[in-house]
Amino acid sequence: QGSLGLRVEAVESFSHSLQLHSEALDETDERVAESLYMLGGAHSALADWPAAAAALQRAVAIRVEVLGASDPRTCDAEAALRVAATALSSDRPFEASPEPRETPGTVGSPELPRDLRNPPPEPLHVQGGA
């Protein structure tokens, strides 16, 4: 099965997960937000920006209410929503890349700027009084 088929399968899987979570849990449960976030990511992978934005907007709303605006999961959902919103408002086609780029020497890890792949060492702590 090709990459496109796997992406379509992901949308179906996350849609089913969302349906199950929505039926069993309160609409503001973080697990519902996670399902929406994953569904939005799957739609983004297919460059289905309207569907991605709709799912991600709901995920952000739930996460802001339940986790707060500064929680990393909320920030991740907001960042994904900004990508979808940018793609929607763009004059040129904004397509998802066919495959994630890999850094040489790694398998399956997306390419990151050097400073994120190799964070600086922890600062030295001097013991004793000033």
Foldseek 3Di string as FASTA:
>chain_A
DALVVVLVVQLVVLVVQLVVCVVPHPLLDLSNLVSLLSNLVSCQLALVLVSNLVSLVSSLVSCCVPPNCPDPVNVVSVVSNVVSVCCVPDPDHDHHDSDADDDPPDPPDHDDPPCVVDPDDDDDDDDDDD
